Amino acid sequence: MEGTFLRWLLSLNLLVWFTTDQVLPAGLTVSPSRSQFFEEDSVSLSCEEDNISAGWTVRRNTTRGTRTQCDGWGKPAGSTCYMRYLVPSDTGVYWCESREGAASSSIQLTVSGKIRLWS
């Protein structure tokens, strides 16, 4: 009986050791918290990291580019991407990705053109 308990305890310790060493997925946080924007709005996209050493970055897939990093269409700051002046071509799918290729769940952002009222 004691040998069975010791084997179980050793198995549990190994399981905890292996699972805590894994790279856990990040979550994408959008601020302001919505998925529909208008032209000239601003948005902040952040990878909430469970493992900061994984090097999570924000990526996107739009009609203008596939799997591109924040640098070039936004201002990167660590695992956050700031987009100060949205345009309709920023509409697309956004997610976080680690250096190792792990990906978070994605979100579809839609940017509508400004409504112009003429008198």
Foldseek 3Di string as FASTA:
>chain_A
DVVVVVVVVVVVVVVVVVVVPDFDAWFWQKPVHDQEAEFQAKIKIATHGPDLVQQKFKFWCFPVDHRDTLPPQFDDDRRMTIHRGDDQRVFTKMWIAGPVGDIYDIGTHGYHYDDDDDD
